[in-house]
């Protein structure tokens, strides 16, 4: 089956009585140019530790991206929540030795593998949460994902931007975030109501010295601030922070300085 052919993808779904689940964010990529651009971006700069690129893929669906990555010589571990899609994936791609399929929720699945990168068309509903949990763990050197354009803009937003929020602050603590390209809604079936964007996160070591205690406090501090984003920081944190700024106006360096100054204060 040509996984970038809308007619063939639809025919398979009809023949197998499979109905794409909007709750699970099942919008299958069917555009060859967009596919190649995503994998190009995902593999660019990726360094294999053991001679063969080891890739994590979350939400492979019918396997269009999986197939492309395998064709480029990568080893892929694909985590698929839908049991029907998980059961068919490996056999449908010719039972490749370089593919491991794990059936389950990416938020609950644990694997001991060390991956060189992640390349995924993340499910819309859980995509942000999955990405942030992976960013907090700091286990992946690079993550290239296809997400809703609104999510991508929030992840990459700098201080002072209207789209600046908790997702961007947390992601940028250990990753440089870059928007790669937009992908039209017409590149998917079923067609979503909104556009998508490819975003790439590359791990940096600028904040490596931060302890786990400081990182936990950083997340707690910023979460509290963005829950009251319309208020000035001085109003949120009373006498602890003397500032008329609002949460989105601060850079990550500003938040880190506040974290270091306040992390020993148990009353914050």
C-alpha atoms as a PDB file:
ATOM      1  CA  UNK A   1       0.000   0.000   0.000  1.00  0.00           C
ATOM      2  CA  UNK A   2       1.226   3.471  -0.875  1.00  0.00           C
ATOM      3  CA  UNK A   3       0.908   5.264   2.450  1.00  0.00           C
ATOM      4  CA  UNK A   4       0.972   8.709   0.824  1.00  0.00           C
ATOM      5  CA  UNK A   5      -1.947   7.840  -1.480  1.00  0.00           C
ATOM      6  CA  UNK A   6      -5.240   9.164  -0.031  1.00  0.00           C
ATOM      7  CA  UNK A   7      -7.295   6.688  -2.080  1.00  0.00           C
ATOM      8  CA  UNK A   8      -5.273   3.682  -0.916  1.00  0.00           C
ATOM      9  CA  UNK A   9      -5.283   4.803   2.715  1.00  0.00           C
ATOM     10  CA  UNK A  10      -9.060   5.285   2.586  1.00  0.00           C
ATOM     11  CA  UNK A  11      -9.518   1.920   0.869  1.00  0.00           C
ATOM     12  CA  UNK A  12      -7.521   0.150   3.600  1.00  0.00           C
ATOM     13  CA  UNK A  13      -9.580   1.807   6.333  1.00  0.00           C
ATOM     14  CA  UNK A  14     -12.840   0.785   4.625  1.00  0.00           C
ATOM     15  CA  UNK A  15     -11.660  -2.786   3.986  1.00  0.00           C
ATOM     16  CA  UNK A  16     -10.590  -3.186   7.606  1.00  0.00           C
ATOM     17  CA  UNK A  17     -13.588  -1.377   9.100  1.00  0.00           C
ATOM     18  CA  UNK A  18     -11.198   1.111  10.662  1.00  0.00           C
ATOM     19  CA  UNK A  19     -12.402   4.592  11.515  1.00  0.00           C
ATOM     20  CA  UNK A  20      -9.743   7.218  12.357  1.00  0.00           C
ATOM     21  CA  UNK A  21     -10.242   8.371  15.930  1.00  0.00           C
ATOM     22  CA  UNK A  22     -10.265  12.136  16.363  1.00  0.00           C
ATOM     23  CA  UNK A  23      -9.894  11.765  20.129  1.00  0.00           C
ATOM     24  CA  UNK A  24      -6.569  10.000  19.557  1.00  0.00           C
ATOM     25  CA  UNK A  25      -5.585  12.608  16.958  1.00  0.00           C
ATOM     26  CA  UNK A  26      -5.470  10.119  14.099  1.00  0.00           C
ATOM     27  CA  UNK A  27      -4.810  12.323  11.086  1.00  0.00           C
ATOM     28  CA  UNK A  28      -2.568  10.409   8.696  1.00  0.00           C
ATOM     29  CA  UNK A  29       0.131  12.244   6.745  1.00  0.00           C
ATOM     30  CA  UNK A  30      -0.418  11.644   3.016  1.00  0.00           C
ATOM     31  CA  UNK A  31       1.925  14.149   1.373  1.00  0.00           C
ATOM     32  CA  UNK A  32       5.258  12.853   0.063  1.00  0.00           C
ATOM     33  CA  UNK A  33       7.008  16.234   0.058  1.00  0.00           C
ATOM     34  CA  UNK A  34       5.981  17.015   3.631  1.00  0.00           C
ATOM     35  CA  UNK A  35       7.036  13.533   4.707  1.00  0.00           C
ATOM     36  CA  UNK A  36      10.536  13.870   3.283  1.00  0.00           C
ATOM     37  CA  UNK A  37      10.941  17.364   4.722  1.00  0.00           C
ATOM     38  CA  UNK A  38      10.049  16.158   8.228  1.00  0.00           C
ATOM     39  CA  UNK A  39      12.436  13.208   8.141  1.00  0.00           C
ATOM     40  CA  UNK A  40      15.167  15.397   6.588  1.00  0.00           C
ATOM     41  CA  UNK A  41      14.834  17.806   9.508  1.00  0.00           C
ATOM     42  CA  UNK A  42      14.660  14.982  12.040  1.00  0.00           C
ATOM     43  CA  UNK A  43      17.828  13.286  10.818  1.00  0.00           C
ATOM     44  CA  UNK A  44      19.814  16.481  10.251  1.00  0.00           C
ATOM     45  CA  UNK A  45      22.475  16.649  12.946  1.00  0.00           C
ATOM     46  CA  UNK A  46      21.505  13.333  14.530  1.00  0.00           C
ATOM     47  CA  UNK A  47      24.568  11.343  15.568  1.00  0.00           C
ATOM     48  CA  UNK A  48      24.266   7.554  15.884  1.00  0.00           C
ATOM     49  CA  UNK A  49      25.993   6.169  18.980  1.00  0.00           C
ATOM     50  CA  UNK A  50      26.267   2.594  17.719  1.00  0.00           C
ATOM     51  CA  UNK A  51      26.738   3.050  13.983  1.00  0.00           C
ATOM     52  CA  UNK A  52      23.003   2.990  13.188  1.00  0.00           C
ATOM     53  CA  UNK A  53      20.613   5.811  13.975  1.00  0.00           C
ATOM     54  CA  UNK A  54      18.227   4.762  16.747  1.00  0.00           C
ATOM     55  CA  UNK A  55      14.924   6.643  16.456  1.00  0.00           C
ATOM     56  CA  UNK A  56      11.918   6.873  18.748  1.00  0.00           C
ATOM     57  CA  UNK A  57       8.583   7.395  17.008  1.00  0.00           C
ATOM     58  CA  UNK A  58       5.395   8.091  18.917  1.00  0.00           C
ATOM     59  CA  UNK A  59       2.082   7.597  17.150  1.00  0.00           C
ATOM     60  CA  UNK A  60       3.240   5.939  13.896  1.00  0.00           C
ATOM     61  CA  UNK A  61      -0.320   5.355  12.708  1.00  0.00           C
ATOM     62  CA  UNK A  62      -0.218   3.454   9.438  1.00  0.00           C
ATOM     63  CA  UNK A  63       3.569   3.791   9.307  1.00  0.00           C
ATOM     64  CA  UNK A  64       4.231   6.347   6.590  1.00  0.00           C
ATOM     65  CA  UNK A  65       7.020   8.037   8.549  1.00  0.00           C
ATOM     66  CA  UNK A  66       8.212   4.711   9.936  1.00  0.00           C
ATOM     67  CA  UNK A  67       8.658   3.340   6.421  1.00  0.00           C
ATOM     68  CA  UNK A  68      10.623   6.394   5.295  1.00  0.00           C
ATOM     69  CA  UNK A  69      12.968   6.247   8.289  1.00  0.00           C
ATOM     70  CA  UNK A  70      13.591   2.529   7.844  1.00  0.00           C
ATOM     71  CA  UNK A  71      14.342   3.112   4.158  1.00  0.00           C
ATOM     72  CA  UNK A  72      17.060   5.555   5.235  1.00  0.00           C
ATOM     73  CA  UNK A  73      18.734   2.877   7.339  1.00  0.00           C
ATOM     74  CA  UNK A  74      17.479   3.870  10.791  1.00  0.00           C
ATOM     75  CA  UNK A  75      16.427   1.560  13.584  1.00  0.00           C
ATOM     76  CA  UNK A  76      12.949   2.574  14.787  1.00  0.00           C
ATOM     77  CA  UNK A  77      11.057   1.939  18.010  1.00  0.00           C
ATOM     78  CA  UNK A  78       7.433   2.909  17.421  1.00  0.00           C
ATOM     79  CA  UNK A  79       4.947   3.366  20.260  1.00  0.00           C
ATOM     80  CA  UNK A  80       1.319   3.140  19.123  1.00  0.00           C
ATOM     81  CA  UNK A  81      -1.672   3.505  21.437  1.00  0.00           C
ATOM     82  CA  UNK A  82      -4.290   2.175  19.010  1.00  0.00           C
ATOM     83  CA  UNK A  83      -4.206  -1.654  19.308  1.00  0.00           C
ATOM     84  CA  UNK A  84      -5.440  -2.189  15.743  1.00  0.00           C
ATOM     85  CA  UNK A  85      -2.705  -0.037  14.211  1.00  0.00           C
ATOM     86  CA  UNK A  86      -0.048  -1.441  16.541  1.00  0.00           C
ATOM     87  CA  UNK A  87      -0.942  -5.007  15.574  1.00  0.00           C
ATOM     88  CA  UNK A  88      -0.703  -4.377  11.827  1.00  0.00           C
ATOM     89  CA  UNK A  89       2.313  -2.084  11.651  1.00  0.00           C
ATOM     90  CA  UNK A  90       5.274  -4.451  11.569  1.00  0.00           C
ATOM     91  CA  UNK A  91       3.744  -7.017   9.203  1.00  0.00           C
ATOM     92  CA  UNK A  92       2.429  -4.334   6.839  1.00  0.00           C
ATOM     93  CA  UNK A  93       5.956  -2.940   6.434  1.00  0.00           C
ATOM     94  CA  UNK A  94       7.436  -6.347   5.635  1.00  0.00           C
ATOM     95  CA  UNK A  95       8.418  -7.391   9.167  1.00  0.00           C
ATOM     96  CA  UNK A  96      11.712  -5.419   9.189  1.00  0.00           C
ATOM     97  CA  UNK A  97      14.276  -6.431  11.806  1.00  0.00           C
ATOM     98  CA  UNK A  98      15.083  -2.771  12.447  1.00  0.00           C
ATOM     99  CA  UNK A  99      11.546  -2.037  13.674  1.00  0.00           C
ATOM    100  CA  UNK A 100      10.223  -2.605  17.188  1.00  0.00           C
ATOM    101  CA  UNK A 101       6.550  -1.879  17.802  1.00  0.00           C
ATOM    102  CA  UNK A 102       5.303  -1.242  21.325  1.00  0.00           C
ATOM    103  CA  UNK A 103       1.531  -1.207  21.839  1.00  0.00           C
ATOM    104  CA  UNK A 104       0.586   1.239  24.560  1.00  0.00           C
ATOM    105  CA  UNK A 105       0.285   4.809  25.752  1.00  0.00           C
ATOM    106  CA  UNK A 106       3.524   6.756  25.290  1.00  0.00           C
ATOM    107  CA  UNK A 107       2.874   8.474  28.622  1.00  0.00           C
ATOM    108  CA  UNK A 108       2.933   5.112  30.407  1.00  0.00           C
ATOM    109  CA  UNK A 109       5.379   3.024  28.344  1.00  0.00           C
ATOM    110  CA  UNK A 110       8.905   2.706  29.689  1.00  0.00           C
ATOM    111  CA  UNK A 111      11.835   1.592  27.574  1.00  0.00           C
ATOM    112  CA  UNK A 112      15.470   1.162  28.548  1.00  0.00           C
ATOM    113  CA  UNK A 113      16.758   2.071  25.083  1.00  0.00           C
ATOM    114  CA  UNK A 114      18.898   5.141  24.525  1.00  0.00           C
ATOM    115  CA  UNK A 115      17.667   6.879  21.372  1.00  0.00           C
ATOM    116  CA  UNK A 116      19.639   9.228  19.155  1.00  0.00           C
ATOM    117  CA  UNK A 117      16.539  11.268  18.310  1.00  0.00           C
ATOM    118  CA  UNK A 118      12.768  11.290  18.118  1.00  0.00           C
ATOM    119  CA  UNK A 119      10.835  11.967  14.906  1.00  0.00           C
ATOM    120  CA  UNK A 120       7.057  11.862  15.247  1.00  0.00           C
ATOM    121  CA  UNK A 121       3.700  13.070  14.035  1.00  0.00           C
ATOM    122  CA  UNK A 122       2.402  13.506  17.570  1.00  0.00           C
ATOM    123  CA  UNK A 123      -1.283  12.976  18.357  1.00  0.00           C
ATOM    124  CA  UNK A 124      -3.020  16.324  18.704  1.00  0.00           C
ATOM    125  CA  UNK A 125      -4.663  15.774  22.074  1.00  0.00           C
ATOM    126  CA  UNK A 126      -1.690  14.449  24.041  1.00  0.00           C
ATOM    127  CA  UNK A 127       1.156  15.838  21.941  1.00  0.00           C
ATOM    128  CA  UNK A 128       2.150  18.744  24.182  1.00  0.00           C
ATOM    129  CA  UNK A 129       2.105  16.643  27.336  1.00  0.00           C
ATOM    130  CA  UNK A 130       4.177  13.882  25.706  1.00  0.00           C
ATOM    131  CA  UNK A 131       6.740  16.356  24.417  1.00  0.00           C
ATOM    132  CA  UNK A 132       7.108  18.190  27.739  1.00  0.00           C
ATOM    133  CA  UNK A 133       7.516  14.961  29.695  1.00  0.00           C
ATOM    134  CA  UNK A 134      10.297  13.915  27.337  1.00  0.00           C
ATOM    135  CA  UNK A 135      11.897  17.358  27.585  1.00  0.00           C
ATOM    136  CA  UNK A 136      11.869  17.190  31.387  1.00  0.00           C
ATOM    137  CA  UNK A 137      13.585  13.793  31.316  1.00  0.00           C
ATOM    138  CA  UNK A 138      16.308  15.205  29.005  1.00  0.00           C
ATOM    139  CA  UNK A 139      17.020  11.763  27.556  1.00  0.00           C
ATOM    140  CA  UNK A 140      16.751  12.671  23.868  1.00  0.00           C
ATOM    141  CA  UNK A 141      19.429  14.752  22.111  1.00  0.00           C
ATOM    142  CA  UNK A 142      16.942  15.892  19.435  1.00  0.00           C
ATOM    143  CA  UNK A 143      13.173  15.832  18.955  1.00  0.00           C
ATOM    144  CA  UNK A 144      11.534  16.725  15.655  1.00  0.00           C
ATOM    145  CA  UNK A 145       7.771  16.640  15.803  1.00  0.00           C
ATOM    146  CA  UNK A 146       4.716  17.566  13.830  1.00  0.00           C
ATOM    147  CA  UNK A 147       2.202  19.339  16.083  1.00  0.00           C
ATOM    148  CA  UNK A 148      -0.590  21.874  15.841  1.00  0.00           C
ATOM    149  CA  UNK A 149       0.759  25.220  14.637  1.00  0.00           C
ATOM    150  CA  UNK A 150      -0.488  26.909  17.799  1.00  0.00           C
ATOM    151  CA  UNK A 151       1.487  24.450  19.935  1.00  0.00           C
ATOM    152  CA  UNK A 152       4.639  24.920  17.846  1.00  0.00           C
ATOM    153  CA  UNK A 153       4.418  28.705  18.230  1.00  0.00           C
ATOM    154  CA  UNK A 154       4.074  28.397  22.007  1.00  0.00           C
ATOM    155  CA  UNK A 155       7.039  26.044  22.234  1.00  0.00           C
ATOM    156  CA  UNK A 156       9.291  28.428  20.294  1.00  0.00           C
ATOM    157  CA  UNK A 157       7.988  31.710  21.767  1.00  0.00           C
ATOM    158  CA  UNK A 158      10.528  34.062  23.320  1.00  0.00           C
ATOM    159  CA  UNK A 159      10.004  36.455  26.214  1.00  0.00           C
ATOM    160  CA  UNK A 160       7.647  39.304  25.462  1.00  0.00           C
ATOM    161  CA  UNK A 161       5.678  37.319  22.903  1.00  0.00           C
ATOM    162  CA  UNK A 162       1.912  36.976  23.239  1.00  0.00           C
ATOM    163  CA  UNK A 163       2.299  33.235  22.658  1.00  0.00           C
ATOM    164  CA  UNK A 164       4.856  32.876  25.453  1.00  0.00           C
ATOM    165  CA  UNK A 165       3.628  30.313  27.971  1.00  0.00           C
ATOM    166  CA  UNK A 166       4.543  27.485  30.282  1.00  0.00           C
ATOM    167  CA  UNK A 167       5.214  24.998  27.463  1.00  0.00           C
ATOM    168  CA  UNK A 168       7.869  27.214  25.906  1.00  0.00           C
ATOM    169  CA  UNK A 169       9.526  28.064  29.212  1.00  0.00           C
ATOM    170  CA  UNK A 170       9.780  24.406  30.215  1.00  0.00           C
ATOM    171  CA  UNK A 171      10.907  23.167  26.792  1.00  0.00           C
ATOM    172  CA  UNK A 172      13.554  25.869  26.423  1.00  0.00           C
ATOM    173  CA  UNK A 173      15.149  25.103  29.790  1.00  0.00           C
ATOM    174  CA  UNK A 174      17.170  22.319  28.139  1.00  0.00           C
ATOM    175  CA  UNK A 175      16.354  22.573  24.426  1.00  0.00           C
ATOM    176  CA  UNK A 176      16.807  25.128  21.672  1.00  0.00           C
ATOM    177  CA  UNK A 177      13.457  25.239  19.892  1.00  0.00           C
ATOM    178  CA  UNK A 178      13.135  26.077  16.203  1.00  0.00           C
ATOM    179  CA  UNK A 179      10.133  26.128  13.884  1.00  0.00           C
ATOM    180  CA  UNK A 180      11.044  24.247  10.697  1.00  0.00           C
ATOM    181  CA  UNK A 181       8.022  24.612   8.419  1.00  0.00           C
ATOM    182  CA  UNK A 182       4.251  24.651   8.284  1.00  0.00           C
ATOM    183  CA  UNK A 183       2.308  21.711   6.902  1.00  0.00           C
ATOM    184  CA  UNK A 184      -1.070  22.372   5.322  1.00  0.00           C
ATOM    185  CA  UNK A 185      -4.182  20.619   6.587  1.00  0.00           C
ATOM    186  CA  UNK A 186      -4.580  19.197   3.059  1.00  0.00           C
ATOM    187  CA  UNK A 187      -1.508  17.010   3.691  1.00  0.00           C
ATOM    188  CA  UNK A 188      -3.514  14.840   6.090  1.00  0.00           C
ATOM    189  CA  UNK A 189      -6.404  12.415   5.949  1.00  0.00           C
ATOM    190  CA  UNK A 190      -8.826  12.889   7.526  1.00  0.00           C
ATOM    191  CA  UNK A 191      -8.224  16.571   7.010  1.00  0.00           C
ATOM    192  CA  UNK A 192      -7.883  18.394  10.356  1.00  0.00           C
ATOM    193  CA  UNK A 193      -9.515  21.740  10.957  1.00  0.00           C
ATOM    194  CA  UNK A 194      -6.211  23.455  11.704  1.00  0.00           C
ATOM    195  CA  UNK A 195      -2.737  23.557  10.200  1.00  0.00           C
ATOM    196  CA  UNK A 196       0.298  21.788  11.603  1.00  0.00           C
ATOM    197  CA  UNK A 197       3.921  22.803  12.001  1.00  0.00           C
ATOM    198  CA  UNK A 198       7.199  20.920  12.211  1.00  0.00           C
ATOM    199  CA  UNK A 199       9.211  22.007  15.250  1.00  0.00           C
ATOM    200  CA  UNK A 200      12.689  20.845  16.212  1.00  0.00           C
ATOM    201  CA  UNK A 201      14.136  20.722  19.709  1.00  0.00           C
ATOM    202  CA  UNK A 202      17.905  20.294  20.123  1.00  0.00           C
ATOM    203  CA  UNK A 203      19.230  19.689  23.620  1.00  0.00           C
ATOM    204  CA  UNK A 204      21.738  22.222  24.967  1.00  0.00           C
ATOM    205  CA  UNK A 205      23.886  22.096  28.102  1.00  0.00           C
ATOM    206  CA  UNK A 206      23.669  25.730  29.161  1.00  0.00           C
ATOM    207  CA  UNK A 207      21.639  24.853  32.260  1.00  0.00           C
ATOM    208  CA  UNK A 208      23.329  21.559  33.015  1.00  0.00           C
ATOM    209  CA  UNK A 209      24.581  22.761  36.443  1.00  0.00           C
ATOM    210  CA  UNK A 210      20.999  23.137  37.739  1.00  0.00           C
ATOM    211  CA  UNK A 211      20.235  20.525  40.393  1.00  0.00           C
ATOM    212  CA  UNK A 212      17.071  18.413  40.332  1.00  0.00           C
ATOM    213  CA  UNK A 213      15.837  20.403  43.325  1.00  0.00           C
ATOM    214  CA  UNK A 214      16.297  23.648  41.390  1.00  0.00           C
ATOM    215  CA  UNK A 215      14.625  22.205  38.297  1.00  0.00           C
ATOM    216  CA  UNK A 216      11.622  21.105  40.333  1.00  0.00           C
ATOM    217  CA  UNK A 217      11.405  24.543  41.915  1.00  0.00           C
ATOM    218  CA  UNK A 218      11.780  26.198  38.481  1.00  0.00           C
ATOM    219  CA  UNK A 219       8.729  24.298  37.202  1.00  0.00           C
ATOM    220  CA  UNK A 220       6.738  25.029  40.338  1.00  0.00           C
ATOM    221  CA  UNK A 221       7.579  28.723  40.226  1.00  0.00           C
ATOM    222  CA  UNK A 222       6.782  29.189  36.544  1.00  0.00           C
ATOM    223  CA  UNK A 223       3.589  27.122  36.766  1.00  0.00           C
ATOM    224  CA  UNK A 224       2.287  29.343  39.537  1.00  0.00           C
ATOM    225  CA  UNK A 225       3.215  32.478  37.612  1.00  0.00           C
ATOM    226  CA  UNK A 226       1.561  31.435  34.352  1.00  0.00           C
ATOM    227  CA  UNK A 227      -1.601  30.371  36.172  1.00  0.00           C
ATOM    228  CA  UNK A 228      -1.964  34.089  36.924  1.00  0.00           C
ATOM    229  CA  UNK A 229      -0.360  35.457  33.773  1.00  0.00           C
ATOM    230  CA  UNK A 230      -2.366  38.675  33.755  1.00  0.00           C
ATOM    231  CA  UNK A 231      -1.033  39.639  37.164  1.00  0.00           C
ATOM    232  CA  UNK A 232       2.293  41.273  37.920  1.00  0.00           C
ATOM    233  CA  UNK A 233       4.841  39.003  39.575  1.00  0.00           C
ATOM    234  CA  UNK A 234       4.907  41.227  42.646  1.00  0.00           C
ATOM    235  CA  UNK A 235       1.186  40.575  43.140  1.00  0.00           C
ATOM    236  CA  UNK A 236       1.518  36.815  42.693  1.00  0.00           C
ATOM    237  CA  UNK A 237       4.512  36.284  44.953  1.00  0.00           C
ATOM    238  CA  UNK A 238       3.834  39.133  47.409  1.00  0.00           C
ATOM    239  CA  UNK A 239       7.012  40.227  49.188  1.00  0.00           C
ATOM    240  CA  UNK A 240       9.252  37.570  47.608  1.00  0.00           C
ATOM    241  CA  UNK A 241       9.515  39.209  44.190  1.00  0.00           C
ATOM    242  CA  UNK A 242       9.514  42.947  43.686  1.00  0.00           C
ATOM    243  CA  UNK A 243       8.562  43.245  40.020  1.00  0.00           C
ATOM    244  CA  UNK A 244       5.855  44.817  37.884  1.00  0.00           C
ATOM    245  CA  UNK A 245       6.603  42.367  35.061  1.00  0.00           C
ATOM    246  CA  UNK A 246       4.230  39.625  33.985  1.00  0.00           C
ATOM    247  CA  UNK A 247       5.168  35.998  33.475  1.00  0.00           C
ATOM    248  CA  UNK A 248       5.519  36.107  29.692  1.00  0.00           C
ATOM    249  CA  UNK A 249       7.937  39.057  29.861  1.00  0.00           C
ATOM    250  CA  UNK A 250      10.689  37.078  31.582  1.00  0.00           C
ATOM    251  CA  UNK A 251      13.378  35.122  29.761  1.00  0.00           C
ATOM    252  CA  UNK A 252      14.427  31.666  30.889  1.00  0.00           C
ATOM    253  CA  UNK A 253      17.582  33.222  32.334  1.00  0.00           C
ATOM    254  CA  UNK A 254      15.390  35.539  34.409  1.00  0.00           C
ATOM    255  CA  UNK A 255      13.412  32.555  35.720  1.00  0.00           C
ATOM    256  CA  UNK A 256      16.621  30.699  36.527  1.00  0.00           C
ATOM    257  CA  UNK A 257      17.944  33.655  38.520  1.00  0.00           C
ATOM    258  CA  UNK A 258      14.671  33.808  40.461  1.00  0.00           C
ATOM    259  CA  UNK A 259      14.834  30.060  41.028  1.00  0.00           C
ATOM    260  CA  UNK A 260      18.335  30.278  42.467  1.00  0.00           C
ATOM    261  CA  UNK A 261      17.366  33.166  44.685  1.00  0.00           C
ATOM    262  CA  UNK A 262      14.140  31.642  46.006  1.00  0.00           C
ATOM    263  CA  UNK A 263      14.608  27.870  45.930  1.00  0.00           C
ATOM    264  CA  UNK A 264      15.526  27.671  49.620  1.00  0.00           C
ATOM    265  CA  UNK A 265      12.422  29.567  50.693  1.00  0.00           C
ATOM    266  CA  UNK A 266       9.832  27.005  51.748  1.00  0.00           C
ATOM    267  CA  UNK A 267       7.021  29.580  51.891  1.00  0.00           C
ATOM    268  CA  UNK A 268       7.047  30.432  48.167  1.00  0.00           C
END
